[in-house]
Protein backbone atom coordinates (compact mmCIF):
# COMPACT_ATOMS: atom_id res chain seq x y z
CA MET A 1 113.96 66.83 97.56
CA GLU A 2 114.71 70.05 99.73
CA ASN A 3 112.29 72.40 101.04
CA VAL A 4 109.27 70.83 100.04
CA ILE A 5 105.96 72.21 101.78
CA THR A 6 103.83 68.99 104.13
CA TYR A 7 100.56 68.71 106.43
CA ASN A 8 103.19 67.61 108.73
CA ASN A 9 106.42 70.39 108.51
CA ASP A 10 104.73 74.09 107.75
CA LYS A 11 102.75 75.72 110.46
CA GLY A 12 101.02 77.95 107.41
CA LEU A 13 99.94 74.96 105.42
CA LEU A 14 98.65 73.08 109.05
CA ALA A 15 96.87 76.28 110.53
CA TYR A 16 95.15 76.55 107.04
CA ILE A 17 93.64 72.69 106.61
CA GLN A 18 92.64 72.73 110.70
CA PHE A 19 90.73 76.62 109.84
CA LEU A 20 88.64 75.01 107.52
CA ALA A 21 88.37 71.75 109.16
CA SER A 22 86.88 73.92 112.39
CA SER A 23 84.98 76.17 109.69
CA VAL A 24 82.93 74.11 107.44
CA GLN A 25 79.20 75.04 106.71
CA LYS A 26 80.17 78.00 109.12
CA ILE A 27 80.96 80.69 107.28
CA GLY A 28 79.12 83.74 107.95
CA ASP A 29 77.89 82.27 111.44
CA GLY A 30 79.43 85.53 113.33
CA ASN A 31 82.26 83.28 115.40
CA THR A 32 85.46 85.57 114.63
CA ASP A 33 87.32 83.57 117.09
CA ARG A 34 89.08 81.30 114.25
CA VAL A 35 89.65 83.50 112.53
CA PHE A 36 91.47 85.70 115.06
CA ASP A 37 93.16 82.54 115.63
CA PHE A 38 94.01 81.01 112.58
CA GLU A 39 95.21 85.01 111.97
CA ASP A 40 97.81 84.51 114.51
CA ALA A 41 98.98 81.41 113.04
CA LEU A 42 100.23 82.90 110.34
CA ASP A 43 102.71 85.27 111.80
CA GLN A 44 105.73 83.05 111.52
CA THR A 45 104.74 82.83 107.44
CA GLU A 46 107.21 83.80 105.18
CA MET A 47 104.43 86.21 103.56
CA ALA A 48 103.33 88.19 107.06
CA GLN A 49 107.39 89.01 106.59
CA LEU A 50 106.75 90.31 103.39
CA ALA A 51 103.38 92.33 103.97
CA VAL A 52 105.30 94.21 106.64
CA ASP A 53 108.50 94.87 104.61
CA GLU A 54 106.16 96.17 101.34
CA LEU A 55 103.87 98.08 103.68
CA LYS A 56 106.48 100.30 104.74
CA LYS A 57 107.43 100.49 101.57
CA ILE A 58 104.61 103.13 101.74
CA PRO A 59 105.44 106.60 103.42
CA GLU A 60 101.73 107.04 105.17
CA VAL A 61 101.92 103.47 106.12
CA ASN A 62 105.73 103.11 107.59
CA ALA A 63 105.20 106.60 109.53
CA LEU A 64 101.57 104.90 111.20
CA PHE A 65 104.40 102.27 111.75
CA THR A 66 106.59 103.86 112.80
CA GLU A 67 103.92 105.69 115.27
CA ARG A 68 102.60 102.75 116.51
CA TRP A 69 99.08 104.45 115.74
CA LEU A 70 95.61 102.64 116.85
CA PRO A 71 92.69 104.85 116.69
CA ALA A 72 91.54 106.02 120.00
CA PRO A 73 88.72 104.94 122.19
CA PHE A 74 85.43 105.82 120.88
CA ASN A 75 81.46 105.47 121.86
CA LEU A 76 78.69 104.75 119.16
CA ASP A 77 76.07 106.67 120.96
CA ASP A 78 78.51 109.75 120.75
CA LEU A 79 79.80 108.96 116.63
CA ALA A 80 75.70 108.19 116.04
CA LYS A 81 75.01 112.34 117.25
CA LEU A 82 77.54 113.39 114.27
CA PRO A 83 75.29 115.05 111.58
CA GLU A 84 74.28 112.52 108.77
CA GLY A 85 76.48 111.17 106.63
CA THR A 86 79.26 111.53 108.07
CA LEU A 87 81.83 108.41 108.70
CA GLY A 88 81.50 108.54 112.29
CA HIS A 89 77.24 108.58 112.12
CA VAL A 90 76.74 105.92 108.93
CA TYR A 91 79.54 103.80 111.40
CA ALA A 92 76.91 103.79 114.52
CA ARG A 93 73.67 103.59 112.51
CA GLU A 94 75.12 100.40 110.98
CA MET A 95 77.35 99.02 113.86
CA LYS A 96 73.92 99.85 115.89
CA ALA A 97 71.58 98.08 113.78
CA LYS A 98 73.46 95.28 113.48
CA GLY A 99 74.57 95.01 116.53
CA PHE A 100 77.70 94.42 116.48
CA ASP A 101 80.45 95.43 119.17
CA PRO A 102 83.26 98.02 117.66
CA TYR A 103 85.46 95.98 119.99
CA PHE A 104 85.06 92.32 119.42
CA TYR A 105 88.11 91.81 117.94
CA LYS A 106 90.97 89.65 119.40
CA LYS A 107 93.97 91.78 120.85
CA VAL A 108 97.49 91.42 121.01
CA PRO A 109 100.29 92.91 122.19
CA VAL A 110 102.33 95.71 119.84
CA VAL A 111 105.44 93.86 120.08
CA ASP A 112 106.35 94.11 116.67
CA ASP A 113 105.92 94.80 113.17
CA ILE A 114 103.12 92.20 112.81
CA SER A 115 101.30 92.12 115.67
CA TYR A 116 101.31 96.14 115.30
CA LEU A 117 99.89 95.35 111.69
CA LYS A 118 97.26 92.73 113.26
CA MET A 119 95.93 95.38 115.42
CA LEU A 120 95.77 98.13 113.23
CA TRP A 121 93.82 95.89 110.48
CA ARG A 122 91.45 93.98 112.90
CA SER A 123 90.91 97.91 114.79
CA THR A 124 89.76 99.72 111.28
CA HIS A 125 88.03 96.88 109.83
CA ASP A 126 84.50 97.53 110.39
CA ILE A 127 85.04 101.11 108.94
CA TYR A 128 86.36 99.36 105.57
CA HIS A 129 82.84 98.38 105.12
CA VAL A 130 81.70 100.83 105.18
CA VAL A 131 83.48 103.31 103.39
CA ALA A 132 84.96 100.31 100.69
CA GLY A 133 81.47 99.89 100.80
CA PHE A 134 80.38 95.84 101.24
CA ASP A 135 78.42 94.51 103.39
CA THR A 136 78.77 92.46 106.46
CA ASN A 137 77.24 88.82 105.69
CA GLY A 138 79.61 86.13 104.68
CA ILE A 139 79.76 87.36 100.74
CA GLY A 140 79.88 90.50 101.68
CA GLU A 141 83.06 90.14 104.07
CA ILE A 142 85.53 88.09 101.20
CA GLY A 143 84.88 91.26 98.76
CA LEU A 144 85.54 93.10 101.67
CA GLN A 145 89.14 90.94 101.55
CA ALA A 146 89.42 90.84 97.99
CA PHE A 147 89.20 94.85 97.56
CA PHE A 148 91.93 94.55 101.01
CA LEU A 149 94.41 92.04 98.74
CA ALA A 150 93.99 94.26 96.38
CA GLN A 151 95.54 96.89 98.11
CA THR A 152 97.51 95.15 100.94
CA PRO A 153 98.28 92.06 100.28
CA ILE A 154 98.57 90.59 104.04
CA PRO A 155 97.92 86.71 104.55
CA ILE A 156 94.53 86.19 106.36
CA SER A 157 93.16 88.36 103.67
CA VAL A 158 94.23 86.02 101.14
CA MET A 159 93.67 82.79 103.03
CA LEU A 160 90.42 84.24 103.87
CA LEU A 161 89.53 84.36 100.22
CA SER A 162 90.30 81.01 99.80
CA PHE A 163 88.40 79.56 102.42
CA GLY A 164 85.89 81.63 100.95
CA MET A 165 85.58 79.87 97.19
CA VAL A 166 86.47 76.37 98.73
CA ILE A 167 83.48 76.76 101.33
CA ILE A 168 81.09 77.99 99.80
CA SER A 169 81.90 75.96 96.24
CA LEU A 170 81.59 73.13 98.64
CA TYR A 171 77.83 73.98 100.63
CA GLN A 172 76.95 76.69 99.32
CA PRO A 173 77.29 76.33 95.59
CA THR A 174 73.85 78.34 94.54
CA ASN A 175 76.38 81.00 96.19
CA PHE A 176 79.02 80.60 93.94
CA LYS A 177 78.01 82.69 91.04
CA ALA A 178 77.19 85.70 94.07
CA LEU A 179 80.98 85.32 95.29
CA MET A 180 82.94 85.44 92.63
CA THR A 181 80.75 88.69 91.79
CA GLU A 182 81.75 90.12 94.69
CA ILE A 183 85.06 89.33 94.70
CA SER A 184 85.68 90.53 91.33
CA ARG A 185 84.09 93.92 92.07
CA GLY A 186 86.19 94.23 95.20
CA TYR A 187 89.51 92.65 93.66
CA ARG A 188 89.05 95.49 90.54
CA VAL A 189 87.40 98.88 93.09
CA GLY A 190 90.98 98.22 95.09
CA SER A 191 93.11 98.17 92.82
CA HIS A 192 91.88 100.92 91.19
CA THR A 193 91.58 103.23 94.29
CA PRO A 194 94.34 104.78 94.81
CA GLY A 195 94.13 105.78 98.06
CA LYS A 196 95.36 102.57 100.58
CA LEU A 197 92.55 102.61 103.38
CA ILE A 198 94.76 101.34 105.95
CA ALA A 199 96.97 103.98 105.30
CA GLN A 200 93.94 106.55 107.00
CA LYS A 201 93.88 107.87 110.52
CA TRP A 202 89.93 107.05 110.20
CA ASP A 203 89.74 108.56 114.60
CA GLN A 204 90.60 111.27 112.60
CA LEU A 205 87.31 111.54 109.65
CA TRP A 206 84.43 111.28 111.89
CA ASP A 207 83.06 114.06 111.28
CA VAL A 208 83.26 113.84 107.47
CA GLN A 209 80.86 112.71 105.19
CA VAL A 210 81.76 109.27 103.08
CA SER A 211 81.20 110.96 99.74
CA GLU A 212 83.87 112.97 100.70
CA ILE A 213 86.52 110.21 101.77
CA ARG A 214 85.37 108.17 99.07
CA GLU A 215 86.22 111.54 97.14
CA HIS A 216 89.65 112.16 98.27
CA LEU A 217 91.05 108.41 98.55
CA GLY A 218 89.72 108.16 94.95
CA MET A 219 86.77 105.99 95.21
CA ASN A 220 84.05 107.76 93.58
CA SER A 221 84.25 107.08 90.16
CA ILE A 222 84.65 103.23 90.46
CA LEU A 223 81.87 102.56 92.93
């Protein structure tokens, strides 16, 4: 039999199994290193290249790939001085309140489209929480991944979604209903939001009201 995916010969499957094993009962513990290492292990999967190919069919996203745009450096204290309700102010307030470092993510050299997509996702991820309205706890994170998956089918979102369902169903079963509710909400909102979050140059929107951004993206009526 040819092309059989097994534990020994499929790097993506092996990485997923190792990720599950290392993360049992640790969802939402704040340690993101395992997530980034796992995402790196998915680089050579067929889905990674398919995700890039699909995204580049969207003119606005293809332009980002061509430009290799990433957000300009910023300071939370400066953003916090912007008017209330603006993206920068809300983002800075949330990050400060939770003690989050906006540059927490693992950096990788941008040498091709796949590495660029990873850096684009990593450097803008926390902004998605603010704009799409998902909490940063474990269940909220998986809900955001469902939103993102509906808009942008990248490997890490697929894996984190399935990971969340496995871990919570086995080790936090009382939270499973809440998880599925958030996954359902995330996928519904993502599917019905015409504007792609990954296509936005967020550093040009810091002084724009979050409500205006949601209106521009077509989100207000479905949140």
